[in-house]
Amino acid sequence: MTALTGKVALVTGGSRGIGRGIALALARAGADVALADVDRLGAGAQQYGDTQVGGFAQAERTAKEIAALGRRSAAIRTDVTRADEVEGMVSETRDRLGGLDVLVCNAGVVSISGVADLREETWDLTFDVNVKGVFLCCRAGIPLLRQREGSCIINIASVAGKDGVPGMAHYCASKFAVVGFTNALAKELAPLNIRANAICPGILRTQMWEYLADTLKAPGESLEESWQRYVSTHIPLARPQTPEDIGELAVYLASAPNVTGQAINLDGGMELH
């Protein structure tokens, strides 16, 4: 028996990067896992710079990896900014996997712009996905979560939700909002015995990072050199975080009955508060 045997998890943005790391870790711990993702986002207002992000196709591949581990899996096409699709996502998880014990709100976008040049559509998309999406998923998931003993919500925030970063005020504001929302939600849901926590990742070499590195690298610096510089100068432990690291913490939070209302940094010591 493993820690999450018999549990059902739903991971938004579960196709790649942090979401994939969390989904696979939950599956290895015994959970059946539904993955939700979307293929299209507003071009120019998110990190991929193109409406085609290929998320759902990758979600289907990740679902097959989960099935290969001996767990049930489902890939669900969902835009977390749309209430009707989010409600459908939760219903499909129930219908295909039997219920919901662990809700992981991971879907997110990032972009870089100074406030003076920040486009309104970029601000709106950042908050629609990173904040409204978390709210809609939690709201839709609570009725199912309250039916299961020991259920929980894990929201993915960021160290940028603890400390501001120049050129990313809109992203930081969205992640600060996730931290505050999670804290309040934990207190609200405690009487229902539903726990809510946030994970604040540091620097991971995901698709989001590749976008940031390409934008922030120094003149004449390669992506690899930019990556090594960020790791060595920003992380006290001088090693990057990985999706597997975040997955291990998610497994812990999914199985820790007395932990709620926390926003836990996993960042090699970047933020010590």
Protein backbone atom coordinates (compact mmCIF):
# COMPACT_ATOMS: atom_id res chain seq x y z
CA MET A 1 0.00 0.00 0.00
CA THR A 2 1.19 3.51 -0.78
CA ALA A 3 0.12 6.79 0.79
CA LEU A 4 -2.63 7.63 -1.72
CA THR A 5 -3.96 4.21 -2.69
CA GLY A 6 -7.66 4.47 -3.45
CA LYS A 7 -7.55 8.26 -3.86
CA VAL A 8 -8.53 10.25 -6.95
CA ALA A 9 -6.59 13.37 -7.92
CA LEU A 10 -7.28 16.07 -10.49
CA VAL A 11 -4.38 18.21 -11.73
CA THR A 12 -5.02 21.27 -13.90
CA GLY A 13 -2.24 22.19 -16.29
CA GLY A 14 -1.17 18.60 -15.79
CA SER A 15 0.35 17.90 -19.18
CA ARG A 16 3.92 19.13 -18.75
CA GLY A 17 6.41 20.73 -16.39
CA ILE A 18 5.30 21.09 -12.78
CA GLY A 19 1.85 19.69 -13.49
CA ARG A 20 3.25 16.54 -15.06
CA GLY A 21 5.70 16.12 -12.18
CA ILE A 22 2.85 16.37 -9.67
CA ALA A 23 0.57 14.03 -11.62
CA LEU A 24 3.21 11.31 -11.93
CA ALA A 25 4.20 11.62 -8.26
CA LEU A 26 0.58 11.27 -7.15
CA ALA A 27 0.18 8.23 -9.39
CA ARG A 28 3.33 6.62 -8.00
CA ALA A 29 1.90 7.19 -4.52
CA GLY A 30 -1.16 5.19 -5.52
CA ALA A 31 -3.68 7.77 -6.76
CA ASP A 32 -5.74 7.62 -9.93
CA VAL A 33 -5.20 10.90 -11.75
CA ALA A 34 -7.20 13.10 -14.10
CA LEU A 35 -5.27 15.70 -16.10
CA ALA A 36 -6.85 18.88 -17.41
CA ASP A 37 -5.26 21.11 -20.03
CA VAL A 38 -6.04 23.34 -22.99
CA ASP A 39 -4.55 23.85 -26.44
CA ARG A 40 -5.32 27.51 -27.05
CA LEU A 41 -4.53 30.74 -25.19
CA GLY A 42 -4.52 34.37 -26.21
CA ALA A 43 -1.43 35.01 -28.35
CA GLY A 44 0.93 37.70 -27.12
CA ALA A 45 -0.56 37.64 -23.63
CA GLN A 46 1.14 34.51 -22.30
CA GLN A 47 4.50 32.82 -22.26
CA TYR A 48 4.21 30.75 -25.41
CA GLY A 49 3.58 33.65 -27.78
CA ASP A 50 1.19 31.54 -29.87
CA THR A 51 -2.42 30.44 -29.55
CA GLN A 52 -1.33 26.83 -30.11
CA VAL A 53 0.30 25.51 -26.95
CA GLY A 54 -0.36 21.78 -27.46
CA GLY A 55 -1.39 21.20 -23.87
CA PHE A 56 -4.16 18.67 -24.41
CA ALA A 57 -2.16 16.44 -26.74
CA GLN A 58 0.59 16.33 -24.13
CA ALA A 59 -1.99 15.65 -21.42
CA GLU A 60 -3.06 12.55 -23.31
CA ARG A 61 0.56 11.37 -23.44
CA THR A 62 1.01 11.99 -19.72
CA ALA A 63 -2.23 10.09 -19.04
CA LYS A 64 -0.73 7.10 -20.85
CA GLU A 65 2.37 7.34 -18.63
CA ILE A 66 0.10 7.22 -15.58
CA ALA A 67 -1.75 4.21 -16.96
CA ALA A 68 1.61 2.49 -17.47
CA LEU A 69 2.16 2.85 -13.71
CA GLY A 70 -0.96 0.76 -13.14
CA ARG A 71 -3.23 3.65 -12.20
CA ARG A 72 -6.43 4.82 -13.85
CA SER A 73 -6.08 8.10 -15.73
CA ALA A 74 -8.11 10.56 -17.78
CA ALA A 75 -7.18 13.54 -19.94
CA ILE A 76 -9.85 16.25 -19.92
CA ARG A 77 -9.84 19.24 -22.25
CA THR A 78 -10.51 22.27 -20.02
CA ASP A 79 -10.05 26.02 -20.11
CA VAL A 80 -9.89 26.90 -16.41
CA THR A 81 -11.07 30.46 -17.10
CA ARG A 82 -14.51 29.16 -18.18
CA ALA A 83 -16.87 28.16 -15.40
CA ASP A 84 -18.87 25.77 -17.58
CA GLU A 85 -15.76 23.88 -18.67
CA VAL A 86 -14.46 23.71 -15.10
CA GLU A 87 -17.78 22.29 -13.87
CA GLY A 88 -17.64 19.76 -16.70
CA MET A 89 -14.04 18.86 -15.78
CA VAL A 90 -15.03 18.04 -12.21
CA SER A 91 -18.10 16.08 -13.33
CA GLU A 92 -16.03 14.09 -15.82
CA THR A 93 -13.45 13.29 -13.15
CA ARG A 94 -16.25 11.95 -10.94
CA ASP A 95 -17.84 9.96 -13.76
CA ARG A 96 -14.60 8.43 -15.05
CA LEU A 97 -12.63 7.93 -11.82
CA GLY A 98 -15.33 7.77 -9.14
CA GLY A 99 -14.90 10.92 -7.08
CA LEU A 100 -12.32 13.47 -5.99
CA ASP A 101 -9.89 13.48 -3.06
CA VAL A 102 -7.04 15.75 -4.18
CA LEU A 103 -7.52 18.87 -6.30
CA VAL A 104 -4.31 20.44 -7.62
CA CYS A 105 -4.79 23.87 -9.20
CA ASN A 106 -1.62 24.22 -11.25
CA ALA A 107 -2.63 25.83 -14.56
CA GLY A 108 -0.86 29.16 -14.99
CA VAL A 109 0.68 31.67 -17.38
CA VAL A 110 3.58 34.09 -17.09
CA SER A 111 4.87 37.00 -19.14
CA ILE A 112 7.34 39.86 -18.72
CA SER A 113 6.56 43.54 -18.99
CA GLY A 114 7.20 46.70 -17.03
CA VAL A 115 4.05 48.23 -15.60
CA ALA A 116 4.29 51.31 -17.84
CA ASP A 117 4.19 49.10 -20.93
CA LEU A 118 1.89 46.37 -19.62
CA ARG A 119 -1.06 45.68 -21.90
CA GLU A 120 -4.48 45.39 -20.31
CA GLU A 121 -5.12 42.08 -22.07
CA THR A 122 -1.94 40.67 -20.55
CA TRP A 123 -3.01 41.71 -17.06
CA ASP A 124 -6.48 40.25 -17.65
CA LEU A 125 -5.25 36.89 -18.95
CA THR A 126 -2.74 36.57 -16.11
CA PHE A 127 -5.48 37.04 -13.52
CA ASP A 128 -8.04 35.02 -15.46
CA VAL A 129 -5.81 31.93 -15.52
CA ASN A 130 -3.73 32.30 -12.36
CA VAL A 131 -6.41 33.59 -9.98
CA LYS A 132 -9.88 33.18 -11.46
CA GLY A 133 -8.93 29.70 -12.65
CA VAL A 134 -7.94 28.69 -9.12
CA PHE A 135 -11.18 30.11 -7.73
CA LEU A 136 -13.37 28.38 -10.32
CA CYS A 137 -11.66 25.02 -9.82
CA CYS A 138 -11.88 25.21 -6.04
CA ARG A 139 -15.52 26.27 -6.15
CA ALA A 140 -16.41 23.43 -8.49
CA GLY A 141 -14.38 20.86 -6.56
CA ILE A 142 -15.62 21.53 -3.02
CA PRO A 143 -18.93 19.62 -3.33
CA LEU A 144 -17.05 16.46 -4.32
CA LEU A 145 -14.18 16.98 -1.89
CA ARG A 146 -16.53 17.29 1.07
CA GLN A 147 -17.81 13.78 0.33
CA ARG A 148 -14.40 12.19 0.90
CA GLU A 149 -12.53 11.77 4.16
CA GLY A 150 -9.14 13.51 4.25
CA SER A 151 -9.61 15.46 1.03
CA CYS A 152 -7.49 18.48 0.14
CA ILE A 153 -6.73 21.29 -2.26
CA ILE A 154 -3.19 22.14 -3.38
CA ASN A 155 -2.80 25.45 -5.20
CA ILE A 156 0.43 26.19 -7.07
CA ALA A 157 1.64 29.70 -6.32
CA SER A 158 5.29 30.82 -6.62
CA VAL A 159 8.11 32.43 -4.70
CA ALA A 160 6.94 35.42 -6.76
CA GLY A 161 3.88 35.28 -4.52
CA LYS A 162 6.13 36.11 -1.56
CA ASP A 163 8.50 38.72 -3.04
CA GLY A 164 8.13 41.12 -5.96
CA VAL A 165 10.15 40.80 -9.18
CA PRO A 166 10.77 43.80 -11.48
CA GLY A 167 9.09 43.34 -14.85
CA MET A 168 6.67 40.80 -13.44
CA ALA A 169 4.38 42.89 -11.22
CA HIS A 170 1.26 41.40 -12.81
CA TYR A 171 2.49 37.83 -12.34
CA CYS A 172 3.59 38.53 -8.76
CA ALA A 173 0.23 40.12 -7.95
CA SER A 174 -1.56 37.04 -9.25
CA LYS A 175 0.55 34.68 -7.17
CA PHE A 176 0.25 36.85 -4.04
CA ALA A 177 -3.50 36.53 -4.62
CA VAL A 178 -3.26 32.74 -4.76
CA VAL A 179 -1.41 32.67 -1.43
CA GLY A 180 -4.01 34.88 0.25
CA PHE A 181 -6.91 32.99 -1.30
CA THR A 182 -5.48 29.66 -0.12
CA ASN A 183 -5.00 30.89 3.43
CA ALA A 184 -8.58 32.14 3.66
CA LEU A 185 -9.92 29.03 1.94
CA ALA A 186 -8.17 26.77 4.44
CA LYS A 187 -9.88 28.52 7.34
CA GLU A 188 -13.24 28.42 5.57
CA LEU A 189 -13.02 24.71 4.73
CA ALA A 190 -11.52 23.47 8.00
CA PRO A 191 -14.97 22.75 9.52
CA LEU A 192 -15.61 20.48 6.51
CA ASN A 193 -12.29 18.69 7.13
CA ILE A 194 -10.97 19.81 3.74
CA ARG A 195 -7.40 21.04 3.86
CA ALA A 196 -5.98 23.73 1.54
CA ASN A 197 -2.31 24.55 1.03
CA ALA A 198 -0.15 26.29 -1.55
CA ILE A 199 3.21 25.31 -2.99
CA CYS A 200 5.58 28.15 -3.93
CA PRO A 201 8.13 26.77 -6.42
CA GLY A 202 11.41 28.52 -7.10
CA ILE A 203 13.33 28.18 -10.38
CA LEU A 204 12.60 25.17 -12.57
CA ARG A 205 13.77 24.60 -16.13
CA THR A 206 10.31 24.21 -17.62
CA GLN A 207 8.79 25.66 -20.79
CA MET A 208 7.97 28.79 -18.79
CA TRP A 209 11.63 29.14 -17.84
CA GLU A 210 12.78 28.89 -21.44
CA TYR A 211 10.56 31.85 -22.25
CA LEU A 212 11.85 33.87 -19.30
CA ALA A 213 15.48 33.04 -20.03
CA ASP A 214 15.14 34.06 -23.65
CA THR A 215 13.71 37.40 -22.54
CA LEU A 216 16.04 38.11 -19.62
CA LYS A 217 19.38 36.70 -20.79
CA ALA A 218 22.30 39.10 -20.90
CA PRO A 219 23.72 40.29 -24.25
CA GLY A 220 25.73 37.52 -25.87
CA GLU A 221 24.60 35.00 -23.28
CA SER A 222 23.26 31.61 -24.34
CA LEU A 223 20.18 30.06 -22.75
CA GLU A 224 22.41 27.57 -20.95
CA GLU A 225 24.64 30.35 -19.60
CA SER A 226 21.58 32.31 -18.51
CA TRP A 227 20.23 29.25 -16.72
CA GLN A 228 23.48 28.59 -14.89
CA ARG A 229 23.76 32.25 -13.87
CA TYR A 230 20.26 32.29 -12.40
CA VAL A 231 20.83 29.07 -10.50
CA SER A 232 24.18 30.14 -9.06
CA THR A 233 23.17 33.69 -8.14
CA HIS A 234 19.59 33.24 -6.93
CA ILE A 235 19.48 29.85 -5.20
CA PRO A 236 21.50 29.50 -1.98
CA LEU A 237 21.71 25.72 -2.39
CA ALA A 238 22.98 26.38 -5.94
CA ARG A 239 20.82 23.71 -7.51
CA PRO A 240 17.55 24.11 -9.41
CA GLN A 241 14.20 22.76 -8.38
CA THR A 242 12.57 20.06 -10.49
CA PRO A 243 9.01 18.95 -11.26
CA GLU A 244 9.83 15.81 -9.29
CA ASP A 245 10.63 17.96 -6.23
CA ILE A 246 7.26 19.69 -6.48
CA GLY A 247 5.56 16.32 -6.95
CA GLU A 248 7.09 14.95 -3.75
CA LEU A 249 5.81 17.94 -1.79
CA ALA A 250 2.36 17.53 -3.33
CA VAL A 251 2.28 13.89 -2.20
CA TYR A 252 3.22 14.98 1.31
CA LEU A 253 0.51 17.66 1.42
CA ALA A 254 -2.05 15.22 0.05
CA SER A 255 -1.33 12.84 2.92
CA ALA A 256 -0.60 15.22 5.84
CA PRO A 257 -3.81 15.38 7.92
CA ASN A 258 -2.73 18.24 10.19
CA VAL A 259 -1.27 20.66 7.63
CA THR A 260 -3.51 23.38 6.21
CA GLY A 261 -3.37 27.08 5.36
CA GLN A 262 0.32 26.97 4.46
CA ALA A 263 2.22 28.44 1.51
CA ILE A 264 5.36 26.30 1.45
CA ASN A 265 8.43 27.45 -0.45
CA LEU A 266 10.32 24.84 -2.43
CA ASP A 267 13.11 26.99 -3.75
CA GLY A 268 16.51 25.96 -2.41
CA GLY A 269 16.43 28.84 0.10
CA MET A 270 15.53 31.72 -2.23
CA GLU A 271 12.80 33.05 0.08
CA LEU A 272 13.22 32.44 3.77
CA HIS A 273 9.75 33.50 4.90
